[in-house]
Amino acid sequence: MPKLSSEEKFVDVSDYGRPLARAFVNQVQHTRITPVQVTYLFGISGLIAIFCILHGLYLAAGFFLILKSILDAADGELARTKNRPSYTGRYLDSIFDIFLNFLFLGAIWYVTNSSIWATLLAFLSIQVQGTLYNYYYVILRHNTEGGERTSKIIENKRPKAFPIESQSTVDFLYDTYNILYGTFDKLIYRLDKSASDAPPFPKWFMSMISIYGLGFQLLIISALLSVGLIEFIIPFFIGYNVFLIVFIGLRKIFLT
């Protein structure tokens, strides 16, 4: 089952890895490879990218960041293809993402002259930006017929595990997710509480918002690494916050 029906799909610039993810899934869908194992693979790819940053191998780091994005799309694609949705994969994916984002920026801080405070602000900025995109995207999926609903608009209740997974594992990952993401989720919710009551968002709006998707954020980091502009990555994501006001303002004024 796709995340959205074909009628509701929009141009998602953060999802550029989807075609390669589907090609990968086509090769492994009849094997014993599980979606969670693919999640581990994208975690490994992210760790290799960090290693490359620390050793000045910026082109290689950019490659493994893009590979991480492709595998990040592939785990969910494989889960839908095999009809094996799981909360384990949903939460593990997000937990890996936040730790890897922190380590990406930590590695960049280590090899540049960036301030530790600017680095922390850039990390918080990336998380807030990604949370806004996910918030609107999950609302769209819940407000359209046939949309995928494994992710919740507000994660305020432990979900019941699917038959293929352990409830204790889901509970542990849910609690971990809320510790790591709860503040970001609550902040975005307070900034736009009424978003879930709006009509389904138009495609142009979701395409604009998708520049805050993690895939596009990693593409920006990869591009800056590849052209030798590593020192601009941290200030870029701090300045990238300007679109928060633009997107939330557009939603509140025109999409009610």
C-alpha atoms as a PDB file:
ATOM      1  CA  MET A   1       0.000   0.000   0.000  1.00  0.00           C
ATOM      2  CA  PRO A   2       1.515   3.388  -0.997  1.00  0.00           C
ATOM      3  CA  LYS A   3       1.613   6.282   1.441  1.00  0.00           C
ATOM      4  CA  LEU A   4      -0.810   8.241  -0.758  1.00  0.00           C
ATOM      5  CA  SER A   5      -3.230   7.368  -3.536  1.00  0.00           C
ATOM      6  CA  SER A   6      -2.054   8.132  -7.062  1.00  0.00           C
ATOM      7  CA  GLU A   7      -4.483  11.086  -7.205  1.00  0.00           C
ATOM      8  CA  GLU A   8      -2.939  12.716  -4.125  1.00  0.00           C
ATOM      9  CA  LYS A   9       0.743  12.172  -4.913  1.00  0.00           C
ATOM     10  CA  PHE A  10       2.843  15.311  -5.230  1.00  0.00           C
ATOM     11  CA  VAL A  11       6.373  16.098  -6.403  1.00  0.00           C
ATOM     12  CA  ASP A  12       8.395  15.338  -3.269  1.00  0.00           C
ATOM     13  CA  VAL A  13      11.912  16.699  -3.745  1.00  0.00           C
ATOM     14  CA  SER A  14      13.069  14.903  -0.606  1.00  0.00           C
ATOM     15  CA  ASP A  15      12.063  11.556  -2.097  1.00  0.00           C
ATOM     16  CA  TYR A  16      14.450  11.565  -5.069  1.00  0.00           C
ATOM     17  CA  GLY A  17      15.788   8.165  -4.027  1.00  0.00           C
ATOM     18  CA  ARG A  18      12.428   6.418  -4.493  1.00  0.00           C
ATOM     19  CA  PRO A  19      13.090   5.032  -8.029  1.00  0.00           C
ATOM     20  CA  LEU A  20      16.361   3.417  -6.934  1.00  0.00           C
ATOM     21  CA  ALA A  21      14.696   2.251  -3.717  1.00  0.00           C
ATOM     22  CA  ARG A  22      12.000   0.515  -5.768  1.00  0.00           C
ATOM     23  CA  ALA A  23      14.617  -1.073  -8.005  1.00  0.00           C
ATOM     24  CA  PHE A  24      16.369  -2.405  -4.913  1.00  0.00           C
ATOM     25  CA  VAL A  25      13.097  -3.686  -3.461  1.00  0.00           C
ATOM     26  CA  ASN A  26      12.273  -5.455  -6.726  1.00  0.00           C
ATOM     27  CA  GLN A  27      15.506  -7.402  -6.336  1.00  0.00           C
ATOM     28  CA  VAL A  28      15.028  -8.399  -2.691  1.00  0.00           C
ATOM     29  CA  GLN A  29      11.256  -8.652  -2.210  1.00  0.00           C
ATOM     30  CA  HIS A  30      11.250 -12.444  -2.610  1.00  0.00           C
ATOM     31  CA  THR A  31      14.262 -12.990  -0.347  1.00  0.00           C
ATOM     32  CA  ARG A  32      14.440 -13.247   3.425  1.00  0.00           C
ATOM     33  CA  ILE A  33      15.674  -9.665   3.745  1.00  0.00           C
ATOM     34  CA  THR A  34      13.344  -7.767   6.066  1.00  0.00           C
ATOM     35  CA  PRO A  35      12.476  -4.056   6.138  1.00  0.00           C
ATOM     36  CA  VAL A  36      14.163  -3.673   9.542  1.00  0.00           C
ATOM     37  CA  GLN A  37      17.368  -5.170   8.132  1.00  0.00           C
ATOM     38  CA  VAL A  38      17.278  -2.491   5.419  1.00  0.00           C
ATOM     39  CA  THR A  39      16.875   0.104   8.189  1.00  0.00           C
ATOM     40  CA  TYR A  40      20.087  -1.230   9.729  1.00  0.00           C
ATOM     41  CA  LEU A  41      21.754  -0.896   6.327  1.00  0.00           C
ATOM     42  CA  PHE A  42      20.877   2.792   6.077  1.00  0.00           C
ATOM     43  CA  GLY A  43      22.250   3.246   9.591  1.00  0.00           C
ATOM     44  CA  ILE A  44      25.520   1.657   8.492  1.00  0.00           C
ATOM     45  CA  SER A  45      25.623   3.867   5.397  1.00  0.00           C
ATOM     46  CA  GLY A  46      25.195   6.932   7.622  1.00  0.00           C
ATOM     47  CA  LEU A  47      28.027   5.806   9.907  1.00  0.00           C
ATOM     48  CA  ILE A  48      30.313   5.316   6.897  1.00  0.00           C
ATOM     49  CA  ALA A  49      29.462   8.866   5.778  1.00  0.00           C
ATOM     50  CA  ILE A  50      30.488  10.159   9.211  1.00  0.00           C
ATOM     51  CA  PHE A  51      33.767   8.233   9.004  1.00  0.00           C
ATOM     52  CA  CYS A  52      34.435   9.794   5.602  1.00  0.00           C
ATOM     53  CA  ILE A  53      33.748  13.321   6.887  1.00  0.00           C
ATOM     54  CA  LEU A  54      36.175  12.817   9.784  1.00  0.00           C
ATOM     55  CA  HIS A  55      38.862  11.672   7.347  1.00  0.00           C
ATOM     56  CA  GLY A  56      38.347  14.409   4.753  1.00  0.00           C
ATOM     57  CA  LEU A  57      36.773  12.095   2.173  1.00  0.00           C
ATOM     58  CA  TYR A  58      33.986  14.501   1.348  1.00  0.00           C
ATOM     59  CA  LEU A  59      32.974  13.105  -2.045  1.00  0.00           C
ATOM     60  CA  ALA A  60      32.658   9.652  -0.535  1.00  0.00           C
ATOM     61  CA  ALA A  61      30.730  11.097   2.408  1.00  0.00           C
ATOM     62  CA  GLY A  62      28.286  12.709  -0.021  1.00  0.00           C
ATOM     63  CA  PHE A  63      27.823   9.386  -1.815  1.00  0.00           C
ATOM     64  CA  PHE A  64      27.017   7.510   1.397  1.00  0.00           C
ATOM     65  CA  LEU A  65      24.590  10.237   2.490  1.00  0.00           C
ATOM     66  CA  ILE A  66      22.679   9.771  -0.763  1.00  0.00           C
ATOM     67  CA  LEU A  67      22.857   5.985  -0.361  1.00  0.00           C
ATOM     68  CA  LYS A  68      21.469   6.419   3.148  1.00  0.00           C
ATOM     69  CA  SER A  69      18.512   8.366   1.688  1.00  0.00           C
ATOM     70  CA  ILE A  70      17.839   5.644  -0.883  1.00  0.00           C
ATOM     71  CA  LEU A  71      17.913   2.896   1.739  1.00  0.00           C
ATOM     72  CA  ASP A  72      15.762   5.056   4.015  1.00  0.00           C
ATOM     73  CA  ALA A  73      13.108   4.997   1.307  1.00  0.00           C
ATOM     74  CA  ALA A  74      13.678   1.313   0.602  1.00  0.00           C
ATOM     75  CA  ASP A  75      12.832   0.007   4.073  1.00  0.00           C
ATOM     76  CA  GLY A  76       9.314   1.445   3.979  1.00  0.00           C
ATOM     77  CA  GLU A  77       8.923   0.465   0.323  1.00  0.00           C
ATOM     78  CA  LEU A  78       9.860  -3.117   1.170  1.00  0.00           C
ATOM     79  CA  ALA A  79       7.438  -3.154   4.122  1.00  0.00           C
ATOM     80  CA  ARG A  80       4.588  -2.034   1.860  1.00  0.00           C
ATOM     81  CA  THR A  81       5.557  -4.436  -0.935  1.00  0.00           C
ATOM     82  CA  LYS A  82       5.618  -7.390   1.450  1.00  0.00           C
ATOM     83  CA  ASN A  83       2.545  -6.064   3.252  1.00  0.00           C
ATOM     84  CA  ARG A  84       4.480  -6.128   6.518  1.00  0.00           C
ATOM     85  CA  PRO A  85       3.924  -2.744   8.176  1.00  0.00           C
ATOM     86  CA  SER A  86       5.434  -2.443  11.637  1.00  0.00           C
ATOM     87  CA  TYR A  87       5.776   0.126  14.366  1.00  0.00           C
ATOM     88  CA  THR A  88       9.215  -1.316  15.086  1.00  0.00           C
ATOM     89  CA  GLY A  89      10.430  -0.147  11.693  1.00  0.00           C
ATOM     90  CA  ARG A  90       8.594   3.168  11.922  1.00  0.00           C
ATOM     91  CA  TYR A  91      10.155   4.156  15.262  1.00  0.00           C
ATOM     92  CA  LEU A  92      13.573   2.603  14.616  1.00  0.00           C
ATOM     93  CA  ASP A  93      13.819   4.584  11.374  1.00  0.00           C
ATOM     94  CA  SER A  94      13.208   7.880  13.184  1.00  0.00           C
ATOM     95  CA  ILE A  95      15.531   7.009  16.081  1.00  0.00           C
ATOM     96  CA  PHE A  96      18.369   6.211  13.687  1.00  0.00           C
ATOM     97  CA  ASP A  97      17.714   9.450  11.811  1.00  0.00           C
ATOM     98  CA  ILE A  98      18.009  11.738  14.829  1.00  0.00           C
ATOM     99  CA  PHE A  99      21.202  10.109  16.092  1.00  0.00           C
ATOM    100  CA  LEU A 100      22.771  10.178  12.634  1.00  0.00           C
ATOM    101  CA  ASN A 101      21.812  13.841  12.132  1.00  0.00           C
ATOM    102  CA  PHE A 102      23.503  14.693  15.414  1.00  0.00           C
ATOM    103  CA  LEU A 103      26.626  12.752  14.449  1.00  0.00           C
ATOM    104  CA  PHE A 104      26.725  14.242  10.927  1.00  0.00           C
ATOM    105  CA  LEU A 105      26.820  17.746  12.357  1.00  0.00           C
ATOM    106  CA  GLY A 106      29.170  16.687  15.139  1.00  0.00           C
ATOM    107  CA  ALA A 107      31.628  15.414  12.544  1.00  0.00           C
ATOM    108  CA  ILE A 108      31.314  18.650  10.559  1.00  0.00           C
ATOM    109  CA  TRP A 109      31.921  20.660  13.741  1.00  0.00           C
ATOM    110  CA  TYR A 110      34.992  18.549  14.489  1.00  0.00           C
ATOM    111  CA  VAL A 111      36.675  19.188  11.126  1.00  0.00           C
ATOM    112  CA  THR A 112      35.746  22.884  10.801  1.00  0.00           C
ATOM    113  CA  ASN A 113      35.995  26.012  12.927  1.00  0.00           C
ATOM    114  CA  SER A 114      32.284  26.070  13.680  1.00  0.00           C
ATOM    115  CA  SER A 115      31.038  27.034  17.126  1.00  0.00           C
ATOM    116  CA  ILE A 116      29.618  24.218  19.227  1.00  0.00           C
ATOM    117  CA  TRP A 117      26.591  26.433  19.925  1.00  0.00           C
ATOM    118  CA  ALA A 118      26.027  27.060  16.226  1.00  0.00           C
ATOM    119  CA  THR A 119      26.330  23.326  15.627  1.00  0.00           C
ATOM    120  CA  LEU A 120      23.704  22.558  18.264  1.00  0.00           C
ATOM    121  CA  LEU A 121      21.443  25.253  16.796  1.00  0.00           C
ATOM    122  CA  ALA A 122      21.873  23.744  13.323  1.00  0.00           C
ATOM    123  CA  PHE A 123      20.953  20.308  14.708  1.00  0.00           C
ATOM    124  CA  LEU A 124      17.837  21.694  16.392  1.00  0.00           C
ATOM    125  CA  SER A 125      16.988  23.540  13.171  1.00  0.00           C
ATOM    126  CA  ILE A 126      17.231  20.392  11.046  1.00  0.00           C
ATOM    127  CA  GLN A 127      14.963  18.563  13.466  1.00  0.00           C
ATOM    128  CA  VAL A 128      12.351  21.323  13.614  1.00  0.00           C
ATOM    129  CA  GLN A 129      12.349  21.673   9.833  1.00  0.00           C
ATOM    130  CA  GLY A 130      11.952  17.936   9.322  1.00  0.00           C
ATOM    131  CA  THR A 131       9.216  17.779  11.948  1.00  0.00           C
ATOM    132  CA  LEU A 132       7.197  20.459  10.144  1.00  0.00           C
ATOM    133  CA  TYR A 133       7.388  18.519   6.884  1.00  0.00           C
ATOM    134  CA  ASN A 134       6.450  15.241   8.583  1.00  0.00           C
ATOM    135  CA  TYR A 135       3.597  16.909  10.485  1.00  0.00           C
ATOM    136  CA  TYR A 136       1.930  18.209   7.331  1.00  0.00           C
ATOM    137  CA  TYR A 137       2.650  15.008   5.406  1.00  0.00           C
ATOM    138  CA  VAL A 138       1.125  12.764   8.081  1.00  0.00           C
ATOM    139  CA  ILE A 139      -1.934  15.042   8.270  1.00  0.00           C
ATOM    140  CA  LEU A 140      -2.341  14.768   4.499  1.00  0.00           C
ATOM    141  CA  ARG A 141      -2.169  10.966   4.655  1.00  0.00           C
ATOM    142  CA  HIS A 142      -4.773  10.874   7.425  1.00  0.00           C
ATOM    143  CA  ASN A 143      -7.085  13.287   5.595  1.00  0.00           C
ATOM    144  CA  THR A 144      -7.120  11.485   2.255  1.00  0.00           C
ATOM    145  CA  GLU A 145      -8.800   8.226   1.364  1.00  0.00           C
ATOM    146  CA  GLY A 146      -6.401   5.317   1.239  1.00  0.00           C
ATOM    147  CA  GLY A 147      -3.530   7.179   2.899  1.00  0.00           C
ATOM    148  CA  GLU A 148      -1.054   5.183   4.996  1.00  0.00           C
ATOM    149  CA  ARG A 149      -1.677   5.619   8.741  1.00  0.00           C
ATOM    150  CA  THR A 150       1.170   3.842  10.525  1.00  0.00           C
ATOM    151  CA  SER A 151       2.482   7.263  11.569  1.00  0.00           C
ATOM    152  CA  LYS A 152       0.232   9.270  13.866  1.00  0.00           C
ATOM    153  CA  ILE A 153      -0.415  13.018  13.786  1.00  0.00           C
ATOM    154  CA  ILE A 154       0.320  13.160  17.512  1.00  0.00           C
ATOM    155  CA  GLU A 155       2.235  10.260  19.058  1.00  0.00           C
ATOM    156  CA  ASN A 156       0.480  10.313  22.438  1.00  0.00           C
ATOM    157  CA  LYS A 157      -0.489   6.666  22.858  1.00  0.00           C
ATOM    158  CA  ARG A 158       1.436   3.424  22.625  1.00  0.00           C
ATOM    159  CA  PRO A 159       0.165   1.640  19.510  1.00  0.00           C
ATOM    160  CA  LYS A 160      -0.865  -1.988  19.481  1.00  0.00           C
ATOM    161  CA  ALA A 161       1.871  -4.037  17.870  1.00  0.00           C
ATOM    162  CA  PHE A 162       1.248  -5.773  14.555  1.00  0.00           C
ATOM    163  CA  PRO A 163       1.192  -9.601  14.722  1.00  0.00           C
ATOM    164  CA  ILE A 164       4.725  -9.804  13.265  1.00  0.00           C
ATOM    165  CA  GLU A 165       6.339  -7.773  16.080  1.00  0.00           C
ATOM    166  CA  SER A 166       6.692  -7.757  19.842  1.00  0.00           C
ATOM    167  CA  GLN A 167       4.568  -5.399  21.929  1.00  0.00           C
ATOM    168  CA  SER A 168       7.420  -4.898  24.410  1.00  0.00           C
ATOM    169  CA  THR A 169       9.745  -3.848  21.580  1.00  0.00           C
ATOM    170  CA  VAL A 170       7.157  -1.447  20.205  1.00  0.00           C
ATOM    171  CA  ASP A 171       6.615   0.025  23.689  1.00  0.00           C
ATOM    172  CA  PHE A 172      10.361   0.530  24.214  1.00  0.00           C
ATOM    173  CA  LEU A 173      10.854   2.158  20.797  1.00  0.00           C
ATOM    174  CA  TYR A 174       7.748   4.314  21.261  1.00  0.00           C
ATOM    175  CA  ASP A 175       9.075   5.611  24.609  1.00  0.00           C
ATOM    176  CA  THR A 176      12.494   6.254  23.061  1.00  0.00           C
ATOM    177  CA  TYR A 177      10.903   8.053  20.130  1.00  0.00           C
ATOM    178  CA  ASN A 178       8.935  10.323  22.455  1.00  0.00           C
ATOM    179  CA  ILE A 179      12.020  11.181  24.504  1.00  0.00           C
ATOM    180  CA  LEU A 180      13.915  12.159  21.342  1.00  0.00           C
ATOM    181  CA  TYR A 181      11.145  13.748  19.288  1.00  0.00           C
ATOM    182  CA  GLY A 182       8.435  14.755  21.761  1.00  0.00           C
ATOM    183  CA  THR A 183       9.632  18.336  22.192  1.00  0.00           C
ATOM    184  CA  PHE A 184       9.865  18.912  18.429  1.00  0.00           C
ATOM    185  CA  ASP A 185       6.444  17.381  17.807  1.00  0.00           C
ATOM    186  CA  LYS A 186       4.814  19.481  20.526  1.00  0.00           C
ATOM    187  CA  LEU A 187       6.486  22.670  19.264  1.00  0.00           C
ATOM    188  CA  ILE A 188       5.208  22.227  15.709  1.00  0.00           C
ATOM    189  CA  TYR A 189       1.763  21.234  16.956  1.00  0.00           C
ATOM    190  CA  ARG A 190       1.528  24.412  19.030  1.00  0.00           C
ATOM    191  CA  LEU A 191       2.646  26.520  16.087  1.00  0.00           C
ATOM    192  CA  ASP A 192      -0.168  25.133  13.898  1.00  0.00           C
ATOM    193  CA  LYS A 193      -2.747  23.279  15.990  1.00  0.00           C
ATOM    194  CA  SER A 194      -5.555  23.631  13.469  1.00  0.00           C
ATOM    195  CA  ALA A 195      -3.684  22.103  10.514  1.00  0.00           C
ATOM    196  CA  SER A 196      -5.425  18.736  10.902  1.00  0.00           C
ATOM    197  CA  ASP A 197      -8.835  20.417  10.498  1.00  0.00           C
ATOM    198  CA  ALA A 198      -7.928  21.953   7.134  1.00  0.00           C
ATOM    199  CA  PRO A 199      -8.944  20.404   3.794  1.00  0.00           C
ATOM    200  CA  PRO A 200      -6.316  18.135   2.183  1.00  0.00           C
ATOM    201  CA  PHE A 201      -3.300  20.253   1.323  1.00  0.00           C
ATOM    202  CA  PRO A 202      -2.791  21.015  -2.385  1.00  0.00           C
ATOM    203  CA  LYS A 203       0.094  19.410  -4.215  1.00  0.00           C
ATOM    204  CA  TRP A 204       1.960  22.695  -4.749  1.00  0.00           C
ATOM    205  CA  PHE A 205       2.029  23.307  -1.006  1.00  0.00           C
ATOM    206  CA  MET A 206       3.335  19.843  -0.175  1.00  0.00           C
ATOM    207  CA  SER A 207       5.994  20.134  -2.874  1.00  0.00           C
ATOM    208  CA  MET A 208       7.188  23.376  -1.295  1.00  0.00           C
ATOM    209  CA  ILE A 209       7.229  21.847   2.175  1.00  0.00           C
ATOM    210  CA  SER A 210       9.228  18.866   0.917  1.00  0.00           C
ATOM    211  CA  ILE A 211      12.402  20.988   0.826  1.00  0.00           C
ATOM    212  CA  TYR A 212      12.357  20.383   4.594  1.00  0.00           C
ATOM    213  CA  GLY A 213      12.271  16.609   4.175  1.00  0.00           C
ATOM    214  CA  LEU A 214      15.325  14.771   5.479  1.00  0.00           C
ATOM    215  CA  GLY A 215      16.199  13.425   2.049  1.00  0.00           C
ATOM    216  CA  PHE A 216      16.512  16.949   0.633  1.00  0.00           C
ATOM    217  CA  GLN A 217      18.417  18.134   3.698  1.00  0.00           C
ATOM    218  CA  LEU A 218      20.933  15.335   3.167  1.00  0.00           C
ATOM    219  CA  LEU A 219      21.120  16.197  -0.531  1.00  0.00           C
ATOM    220  CA  ILE A 220      22.085  19.762   0.418  1.00  0.00           C
ATOM    221  CA  ILE A 221      24.741  18.487   2.819  1.00  0.00           C
ATOM    222  CA  SER A 222      26.058  16.104   0.162  1.00  0.00           C
ATOM    223  CA  ALA A 223      26.226  18.885  -2.444  1.00  0.00           C
ATOM    224  CA  LEU A 224      28.079  21.256  -0.128  1.00  0.00           C
ATOM    225  CA  LEU A 225      30.508  18.497   0.848  1.00  0.00           C
ATOM    226  CA  SER A 226      31.108  17.597  -2.781  1.00  0.00           C
ATOM    227  CA  VAL A 227      32.074  21.154  -3.790  1.00  0.00           C
ATOM    228  CA  GLY A 228      34.281  21.734  -0.754  1.00  0.00           C
ATOM    229  CA  LEU A 229      31.943  24.051   1.113  1.00  0.00           C
ATOM    230  CA  ILE A 230      31.721  22.042   4.328  1.00  0.00           C
ATOM    231  CA  GLU A 231      32.103  25.162   6.489  1.00  0.00           C
ATOM    232  CA  PHE A 232      28.833  26.555   5.084  1.00  0.00           C
ATOM    233  CA  ILE A 233      26.686  23.584   6.125  1.00  0.00           C
ATOM    234  CA  ILE A 234      26.043  24.633   9.720  1.00  0.00           C
ATOM    235  CA  PRO A 235      25.195  28.307   9.001  1.00  0.00           C
ATOM    236  CA  PHE A 236      23.061  27.229   6.026  1.00  0.00           C
ATOM    237  CA  PHE A 237      20.670  25.167   8.134  1.00  0.00           C
ATOM    238  CA  ILE A 238      20.359  27.915  10.705  1.00  0.00           C
ATOM    239  CA  GLY A 239      19.360  30.374   7.963  1.00  0.00           C
ATOM    240  CA  TYR A 240      17.094  27.722   6.383  1.00  0.00           C
ATOM    241  CA  ASN A 241      14.705  28.310   9.296  1.00  0.00           C
ATOM    242  CA  VAL A 242      13.333  31.371   7.493  1.00  0.00           C
ATOM    243  CA  PHE A 243      10.918  29.127   5.593  1.00  0.00           C
ATOM    244  CA  LEU A 244       9.255  27.994   8.824  1.00  0.00           C
ATOM    245  CA  ILE A 245       7.435  31.326   9.007  1.00  0.00           C
ATOM    246  CA  VAL A 246       6.641  31.235   5.284  1.00  0.00           C
ATOM    247  CA  PHE A 247       5.162  27.728   5.265  1.00  0.00           C
ATOM    248  CA  ILE A 248       3.149  28.029   8.459  1.00  0.00           C
ATOM    249  CA  GLY A 249       1.902  31.451   7.368  1.00  0.00           C
ATOM    250  CA  LEU A 250       0.802  30.127   3.990  1.00  0.00           C
ATOM    251  CA  ARG A 251      -1.039  27.243   5.620  1.00  0.00           C
ATOM    252  CA  LYS A 252      -2.859  29.433   8.122  1.00  0.00           C
ATOM    253  CA  ILE A 253      -3.795  32.204   5.674  1.00  0.00           C
ATOM    254  CA  PHE A 254      -4.674  30.325   2.513  1.00  0.00           C
ATOM    255  CA  LEU A 255      -5.308  26.669   3.418  1.00  0.00           C
ATOM    256  CA  THR A 256      -8.108  26.719   5.990  1.00  0.00           C
END
